[in-house]
């Protein structure tokens, strides 16, 4: 292996929401929010439909890009 990436594998959850949802959940429009608590995640999603999930994280994305260029890589 030529490069080993160590980082967080983050999953983006894309949902359509209105202004009321943002205000009721103390969210900031245009920002991301990391959620580590499963109960908080379930509460936020209880009235939402997930449109799309996208895996990522800066290290994971970099490792994927390097692998697509033919570099022998790994990810932890």
PDB file of N, CA and C in Angstrom:
ATOM      1  N   UNK A   1       0.835  -1.170   0.000  1.00  0.00           N
ATOM      2  CA  UNK A   1       0.000   0.000   0.000  1.00  0.00           C
ATOM      3  C   UNK A   1       0.890   1.246   0.000  1.00  0.00           C
ATOM      4  N   UNK A   2       0.572   2.181  -0.839  1.00  0.00           N
ATOM      5  CA  UNK A   2       1.385   3.386  -0.963  1.00  0.00           C
ATOM      6  C   UNK A   2       0.907   4.495  -0.023  1.00  0.00           C
ATOM      7  N   UNK A   3      -0.412   4.648   0.139  1.00  0.00           N
ATOM      8  CA  UNK A   3      -0.972   5.702   1.000  1.00  0.00           C
ATOM      9  C   UNK A   3      -2.078   5.109   1.865  1.00  0.00           C
ATOM     10  N   UNK A   4      -2.049   5.430   3.155  1.00  0.00           N
ATOM     11  CA  UNK A   4      -3.095   5.015   4.080  1.00  0.00           C
ATOM     12  C   UNK A   4      -3.745   6.268   4.649  1.00  0.00           C
ATOM     13  N   UNK A   5      -5.053   6.401   4.456  1.00  0.00           N
ATOM     14  CA  UNK A   5      -5.799   7.538   5.004  1.00  0.00           C
ATOM     15  C   UNK A   5      -6.458   7.130   6.315  1.00  0.00           C
ATOM     16  N   UNK A   6      -6.367   7.989   7.315  1.00  0.00           N
ATOM     17  CA  UNK A   6      -7.022   7.753   8.605  1.00  0.00           C
ATOM     18  C   UNK A   6      -7.952   8.929   8.850  1.00  0.00           C
ATOM     19  N   UNK A   7      -9.258   8.661   8.952  1.00  0.00           N
ATOM     20  CA  UNK A   7     -10.208   9.762   9.126  1.00  0.00           C
ATOM     21  C   UNK A   7     -11.588   9.269   9.467  1.00  0.00           C
ATOM     22  N   UNK A   8     -12.530  10.174   9.426  1.00  0.00           N
ATOM     23  CA  UNK A   8     -13.931   9.857   9.715  1.00  0.00           C
ATOM     24  C   UNK A   8     -14.682   9.623   8.420  1.00  0.00           C
ATOM     25  N   UNK A   9     -15.387   8.508   8.376  1.00  0.00           N
ATOM     26  CA  UNK A   9     -16.260   8.235   7.244  1.00  0.00           C
ATOM     27  C   UNK A   9     -17.594   8.918   7.547  1.00  0.00           C
ATOM     28  N   UNK A  10     -17.872   9.993   6.848  1.00  0.00           N
ATOM     29  CA  UNK A  10     -19.070  10.791   7.106  1.00  0.00           C
ATOM     30  C   UNK A  10     -20.112  10.456   6.052  1.00  0.00           C
ATOM     31  N   UNK A  11     -21.379  10.430   6.461  1.00  0.00           N
ATOM     32  CA  UNK A  11     -22.484  10.209   5.537  1.00  0.00           C
ATOM     33  C   UNK A  11     -23.348  11.461   5.531  1.00  0.00           C
ATOM     34  N   UNK A  12     -23.509  12.067   4.361  1.00  0.00           N
ATOM     35  CA  UNK A  12     -24.397  13.210   4.214  1.00  0.00           C
ATOM     36  C   UNK A  12     -25.799  12.684   3.963  1.00  0.00           C
ATOM     37  N   UNK A  13     -26.771  13.207   4.711  1.00  0.00           N
ATOM     38  CA  UNK A  13     -28.176  12.849   4.539  1.00  0.00           C
ATOM     39  C   UNK A  13     -28.882  14.079   3.980  1.00  0.00           C
ATOM     40  N   UNK A  14     -29.426  13.963   2.786  1.00  0.00           N
ATOM     41  CA  UNK A  14     -30.050  15.091   2.103  1.00  0.00           C
ATOM     42  C   UNK A  14     -31.572  14.969   2.225  1.00  0.00           C
ATOM     43  N   UNK A  15     -32.198  16.009   2.803  1.00  0.00           N
ATOM     44  CA  UNK A  15     -33.650  16.071   2.967  1.00  0.00           C
ATOM     45  C   UNK A  15     -34.120  17.467   2.583  1.00  0.00           C
ATOM     46  N   UNK A  16     -35.340  17.566   2.093  1.00  0.00           N
ATOM     47  CA  UNK A  16     -35.936  18.872   1.834  1.00  0.00           C
ATOM     48  C   UNK A  16     -36.657  19.318   3.103  1.00  0.00           C
ATOM     49  N   UNK A  17     -36.385  20.550   3.536  1.00  0.00           N
ATOM     50  CA  UNK A  17     -37.028  21.092   4.742  1.00  0.00           C
ATOM     51  C   UNK A  17     -37.497  22.516   4.467  1.00  0.00           C
ATOM     52  N   UNK A  18     -38.395  23.002   5.325  1.00  0.00           N
ATOM     53  CA  UNK A  18     -38.832  24.390   5.211  1.00  0.00           C
ATOM     54  C   UNK A  18     -38.219  25.218   6.336  1.00  0.00           C
ATOM     55  N   UNK A  19     -38.463  26.511   6.290  1.00  0.00           N
ATOM     56  CA  UNK A  19     -37.898  27.430   7.290  1.00  0.00           C
ATOM     57  C   UNK A  19     -38.330  27.070   8.707  1.00  0.00           C
ATOM     58  N   UNK A  20     -39.577  26.609   8.883  1.00  0.00           N
ATOM     59  CA  UNK A  20     -40.065  26.239  10.218  1.00  0.00           C
ATOM     60  C   UNK A  20     -39.246  25.111  10.825  1.00  0.00           C
ATOM     61  N   UNK A  21     -38.903  24.115  10.020  1.00  0.00           N
ATOM     62  CA  UNK A  21     -38.101  22.994  10.508  1.00  0.00           C
ATOM     63  C   UNK A  21     -36.740  23.484  10.984  1.00  0.00           C
ATOM     64  N   UNK A  22     -36.134  24.361  10.200  1.00  0.00           N
ATOM     65  CA  UNK A  22     -34.818  24.896  10.558  1.00  0.00           C
ATOM     66  C   UNK A  22     -34.887  25.634  11.890  1.00  0.00           C
ATOM     67  N   UNK A  23     -35.890  26.490  12.034  1.00  0.00           N
ATOM     68  CA  UNK A  23     -36.033  27.267  13.271  1.00  0.00           C
ATOM     69  C   UNK A  23     -36.372  26.394  14.476  1.00  0.00           C
ATOM     70  N   UNK A  24     -37.288  25.436  14.314  1.00  0.00           N
ATOM     71  CA  UNK A  24     -37.718  24.578  15.422  1.00  0.00           C
ATOM     72  C   UNK A  24     -36.589  23.696  15.949  1.00  0.00           C
ATOM     73  N   UNK A  25     -35.631  23.379  15.098  1.00  0.00           N
ATOM     74  CA  UNK A  25     -34.536  22.489  15.495  1.00  0.00           C
ATOM     75  C   UNK A  25     -33.219  23.224  15.716  1.00  0.00           C
ATOM     76  N   UNK A  26     -33.282  24.547  15.833  1.00  0.00           N
ATOM     77  CA  UNK A  26     -32.100  25.376  16.087  1.00  0.00           C
ATOM     78  C   UNK A  26     -30.966  25.093  15.109  1.00  0.00           C
ATOM     79  N   UNK A  27     -31.309  24.966  13.836  1.00  0.00           N
ATOM     80  CA  UNK A  27     -30.322  24.733  12.791  1.00  0.00           C
ATOM     81  C   UNK A  27     -29.981  26.060  12.127  1.00  0.00           C
ATOM     82  N   UNK A  28     -28.844  26.125  11.480  1.00  0.00           N
ATOM     83  CA  UNK A  28     -28.417  27.329  10.780  1.00  0.00           C
ATOM     84  C   UNK A  28     -28.398  27.026   9.292  1.00  0.00           C
ATOM     85  N   UNK A  29     -29.175  27.799   8.555  1.00  0.00           N
ATOM     86  CA  UNK A  29     -29.288  27.594   7.115  1.00  0.00           C
ATOM     87  C   UNK A  29     -27.925  27.752   6.450  1.00  0.00           C
ATOM     88  N   UNK A  30     -27.587  26.816   5.565  1.00  0.00           N
ATOM     89  CA  UNK A  30     -26.326  26.874   4.840  1.00  0.00           C
ATOM     90  C   UNK A  30     -25.156  26.221   5.553  1.00  0.00           C
ATOM     91  N   UNK A  31     -25.372  25.710   6.768  1.00  0.00           N
ATOM     92  CA  UNK A  31     -24.303  25.045   7.526  1.00  0.00           C
ATOM     93  C   UNK A  31     -24.587  23.562   7.638  1.00  0.00           C
ATOM     94  N   UNK A  32     -23.553  22.795   7.909  1.00  0.00           N
ATOM     95  CA  UNK A  32     -23.740  21.383   8.185  1.00  0.00           C
ATOM     96  C   UNK A  32     -23.802  21.171   9.693  1.00  0.00           C
ATOM     97  N   UNK A  33     -24.376  20.068  10.088  1.00  0.00           N
ATOM     98  CA  UNK A  33     -24.429  19.725  11.510  1.00  0.00           C
ATOM     99  C   UNK A  33     -24.018  18.267  11.650  1.00  0.00           C
ATOM    100  N   UNK A  34     -22.968  18.036  12.413  1.00  0.00           N
ATOM    101  CA  UNK A  34     -22.551  16.667  12.702  1.00  0.00           C
ATOM    102  C   UNK A  34     -23.428  16.136  13.822  1.00  0.00           C
ATOM    103  N   UNK A  35     -23.970  14.942  13.626  1.00  0.00           N
ATOM    104  CA  UNK A  35     -24.835  14.335  14.635  1.00  0.00           C
ATOM    105  C   UNK A  35     -24.204  13.021  15.063  1.00  0.00           C
ATOM    106  N   UNK A  36     -23.876  12.937  16.340  1.00  0.00           N
ATOM    107  CA  UNK A  36     -23.254  11.737  16.887  1.00  0.00           C
ATOM    108  C   UNK A  36     -24.234  10.912  17.710  1.00  0.00           C
ATOM    109  N   UNK A  37     -25.338  11.514  18.127  1.00  0.00           N
ATOM    110  CA  UNK A  37     -26.307  10.860  18.995  1.00  0.00           C
ATOM    111  C   UNK A  37     -27.437  10.256  18.162  1.00  0.00           C
ATOM    112  N   UNK A  38     -27.643   8.950  18.299  1.00  0.00           N
ATOM    113  CA  UNK A  38     -28.659   8.259  17.503  1.00  0.00           C
ATOM    114  C   UNK A  38     -30.064   8.787  17.798  1.00  0.00           C
ATOM    115  N   UNK A  39     -30.348   9.150  19.045  1.00  0.00           N
ATOM    116  CA  UNK A  39     -31.676   9.676  19.387  1.00  0.00           C
ATOM    117  C   UNK A  39     -31.931  11.021  18.708  1.00  0.00           C
ATOM    118  N   UNK A  40     -30.908  11.885  18.675  1.00  0.00           N
ATOM    119  CA  UNK A  40     -31.055  13.172  17.985  1.00  0.00           C
ATOM    120  C   UNK A  40     -31.296  12.953  16.496  1.00  0.00           C
ATOM    121  N   UNK A  41     -30.568  11.999  15.914  1.00  0.00           N
ATOM    122  CA  UNK A  41     -30.727  11.680  14.500  1.00  0.00           C
ATOM    123  C   UNK A  41     -32.149  11.206  14.209  1.00  0.00           C
ATOM    124  N   UNK A  42     -32.650  10.287  15.030  1.00  0.00           N
ATOM    125  CA  UNK A  42     -34.014   9.766  14.843  1.00  0.00           C
ATOM    126  C   UNK A  42     -35.055  10.866  15.001  1.00  0.00           C
ATOM    127  N   UNK A  43     -34.844  11.756  15.984  1.00  0.00           N
ATOM    128  CA  UNK A  43     -35.788  12.857  16.204  1.00  0.00           C
ATOM    129  C   UNK A  43     -35.840  13.783  14.991  1.00  0.00           C
ATOM    130  N   UNK A  44     -34.669  14.149  14.464  1.00  0.00           N
ATOM    131  CA  UNK A  44     -34.643  15.027  13.294  1.00  0.00           C
ATOM    132  C   UNK A  44     -35.304  14.385  12.078  1.00  0.00           C
ATOM    133  N   UNK A  45     -35.105  13.086  11.906  1.00  0.00           N
ATOM    134  CA  UNK A  45     -35.635  12.405  10.722  1.00  0.00           C
ATOM    135  C   UNK A  45     -37.068  11.905  10.876  1.00  0.00           C
ATOM    136  N   UNK A  46     -37.644  12.037  12.061  1.00  0.00           N
ATOM    137  CA  UNK A  46     -38.966  11.454  12.307  1.00  0.00           C
ATOM    138  C   UNK A  46     -40.039  11.986  11.361  1.00  0.00           C
ATOM    139  N   UNK A  47     -39.924  13.232  10.928  1.00  0.00           N
ATOM    140  CA  UNK A  47     -40.927  13.805  10.032  1.00  0.00           C
ATOM    141  C   UNK A  47     -40.369  14.155   8.658  1.00  0.00           C
ATOM    142  N   UNK A  48     -39.231  13.581   8.321  1.00  0.00           N
ATOM    143  CA  UNK A  48     -38.583  13.894   7.055  1.00  0.00           C
ATOM    144  C   UNK A  48     -38.449  12.676   6.169  1.00  0.00           C
ATOM    145  N   UNK A  49     -38.349  12.934   4.875  1.00  0.00           N
ATOM    146  CA  UNK A  49     -38.062  11.876   3.913  1.00  0.00           C
ATOM    147  C   UNK A  49     -36.630  12.088   3.414  1.00  0.00           C
ATOM    148  N   UNK A  50     -35.812  11.058   3.536  1.00  0.00           N
ATOM    149  CA  UNK A  50     -34.433  11.143   3.038  1.00  0.00           C
ATOM    150  C   UNK A  50     -34.475  11.103   1.514  1.00  0.00           C
ATOM    151  N   UNK A  51     -33.942  12.146   0.901  1.00  0.00           N
ATOM    152  CA  UNK A  51     -33.892  12.226  -0.562  1.00  0.00           C
ATOM    153  C   UNK A  51     -32.687  11.462  -1.105  1.00  0.00           C
ATOM    154  N   UNK A  52     -31.554  11.579  -0.379  1.00  0.00           N
ATOM    155  CA  UNK A  52     -30.315  10.970  -0.856  1.00  0.00           C
ATOM    156  C   UNK A  52     -29.327  10.860   0.296  1.00  0.00           C
ATOM    157  N   UNK A  53     -28.503   9.832   0.281  1.00  0.00           N
ATOM    158  CA  UNK A  53     -27.377   9.735   1.201  1.00  0.00           C
ATOM    159  C   UNK A  53     -26.105   9.648   0.371  1.00  0.00           C
ATOM    160  N   UNK A  54     -25.077  10.355   0.839  1.00  0.00           N
ATOM    161  CA  UNK A  54     -23.816  10.409   0.103  1.00  0.00           C
ATOM    162  C   UNK A  54     -22.681  10.191   1.098  1.00  0.00           C
ATOM    163  N   UNK A  55     -21.854   9.185   0.848  1.00  0.00           N
ATOM    164  CA  UNK A  55     -20.724   8.954   1.749  1.00  0.00           C
ATOM    165  C   UNK A  55     -19.605   9.935   1.429  1.00  0.00           C
ATOM    166  N   UNK A  56     -18.802  10.223   2.450  1.00  0.00           N
ATOM    167  CA  UNK A  56     -17.727  11.181   2.217  1.00  0.00           C
ATOM    168  C   UNK A  56     -16.855  11.387   3.431  1.00  0.00           C
ATOM    169  N   UNK A  57     -16.433  12.593   3.607  1.00  0.00           N
ATOM    170  CA  UNK A  57     -15.416  12.966   4.579  1.00  0.00           C
ATOM    171  C   UNK A  57     -14.174  13.296   3.788  1.00  0.00           C
ATOM    172  N   UNK A  58     -13.411  14.287   4.215  1.00  0.00           N
ATOM    173  CA  UNK A  58     -12.298  14.761   3.388  1.00  0.00           C
ATOM    174  C   UNK A  58     -11.241  13.685   3.132  1.00  0.00           C
ATOM    175  N   UNK A  59     -10.902  12.909   4.157  1.00  0.00           N
ATOM    176  CA  UNK A  59      -9.885  11.865   3.959  1.00  0.00           C
ATOM    177  C   UNK A  59     -10.420  10.771   3.040  1.00  0.00           C
ATOM    178  N   UNK A  60     -11.667  10.343   3.299  1.00  0.00           N
ATOM    179  CA  UNK A  60     -12.269   9.295   2.466  1.00  0.00           C
ATOM    180  C   UNK A  60     -12.359   9.744   1.010  1.00  0.00           C
ATOM    181  N   UNK A  61     -12.781  10.987   0.790  1.00  0.00           N
ATOM    182  CA  UNK A  61     -12.877  11.497  -0.585  1.00  0.00           C
ATOM    183  C   UNK A  61     -11.506  11.548  -1.256  1.00  0.00           C
ATOM    184  N   UNK A  62     -10.485  11.951  -0.517  1.00  0.00           N
ATOM    185  CA  UNK A  62      -9.128  12.007  -1.072  1.00  0.00           C
ATOM    186  C   UNK A  62      -8.627  10.612  -1.442  1.00  0.00           C
ATOM    187  N   UNK A  63      -8.885   9.649  -0.569  1.00  0.00           N
ATOM    188  CA  UNK A  63      -8.453   8.260  -0.836  1.00  0.00           C
ATOM    189  C   UNK A  63      -9.160   7.704  -2.064  1.00  0.00           C
ATOM    190  N   UNK A  64     -10.444   7.988  -2.201  1.00  0.00           N
ATOM    191  CA  UNK A  64     -11.184   7.533  -3.392  1.00  0.00           C
ATOM    192  C   UNK A  64     -10.578   8.151  -4.650  1.00  0.00           C
ATOM    193  N   UNK A  65     -10.315   9.463  -4.591  1.00  0.00           N
ATOM    194  CA  UNK A  65      -9.712  10.125  -5.747  1.00  0.00           C
ATOM    195  C   UNK A  65      -8.367   9.540  -6.120  1.00  0.00           C
ATOM    196  N   UNK A  66      -7.534   9.281  -5.117  1.00  0.00           N
ATOM    197  CA  UNK A  66      -6.221   8.679  -5.386  1.00  0.00           C
ATOM    198  C   UNK A  66      -6.351   7.270  -5.953  1.00  0.00           C
ATOM    199  N   UNK A  67      -7.325   6.510  -5.446  1.00  0.00           N
ATOM    200  CA  UNK A  67      -7.511   5.153  -5.971  1.00  0.00           C
ATOM    201  C   UNK A  67      -7.958   5.186  -7.425  1.00  0.00           C
ATOM    202  N   UNK A  68      -8.776   6.185  -7.779  1.00  0.00           N
ATOM    203  CA  UNK A  68      -9.225   6.308  -9.172  1.00  0.00           C
ATOM    204  C   UNK A  68      -8.097   6.721 -10.110  1.00  0.00           C
ATOM    205  N   UNK A  69      -7.046   7.297  -9.529  1.00  0.00           N
ATOM    206  CA  UNK A  69      -5.858   7.623 -10.323  1.00  0.00           C
ATOM    207  C   UNK A  69      -4.868   6.461 -10.387  1.00  0.00           C
ATOM    208  N   UNK A  70      -5.226   5.340  -9.770  1.00  0.00           N
ATOM    209  CA  UNK A  70      -4.398   4.146  -9.845  1.00  0.00           C
ATOM    210  C   UNK A  70      -3.447   3.938  -8.684  1.00  0.00           C
ATOM    211  N   UNK A  71      -3.528   4.776  -7.650  1.00  0.00           N
ATOM    212  CA  UNK A  71      -2.654   4.634  -6.483  1.00  0.00           C
ATOM    213  C   UNK A  71      -3.188   3.531  -5.584  1.00  0.00           C
ATOM    214  N   UNK A  72      -2.291   2.710  -5.032  1.00  0.00           N
ATOM    215  CA  UNK A  72      -2.674   1.649  -4.110  1.00  0.00           C
ATOM    216  C   UNK A  72      -2.877   2.282  -2.719  1.00  0.00           C
ATOM    217  N   UNK A  73      -4.125   2.354  -2.255  1.00  0.00           N
ATOM    218  CA  UNK A  73      -4.466   3.088  -1.030  1.00  0.00           C
ATOM    219  C   UNK A  73      -5.288   2.229  -0.081  1.00  0.00           C
ATOM    220  N   UNK A  74      -5.412   2.719   1.145  1.00  0.00           N
ATOM    221  CA  UNK A  74      -6.278   2.106   2.149  1.00  0.00           C
ATOM    222  C   UNK A  74      -6.913   3.195   2.992  1.00  0.00           C
ATOM    223  N   UNK A  75      -7.913   2.830   3.766  1.00  0.00           N
ATOM    224  CA  UNK A  75      -8.623   3.800   4.612  1.00  0.00           C
ATOM    225  C   UNK A  75      -8.974   3.166   5.944  1.00  0.00           C
ATOM    226  N   UNK A  76      -8.660   3.870   7.021  1.00  0.00           N
ATOM    227  CA  UNK A  76      -9.031   3.424   8.368  1.00  0.00           C
ATOM    228  C   UNK A  76      -9.890   4.519   8.961  1.00  0.00           C
TER     229      UNK A  76
END
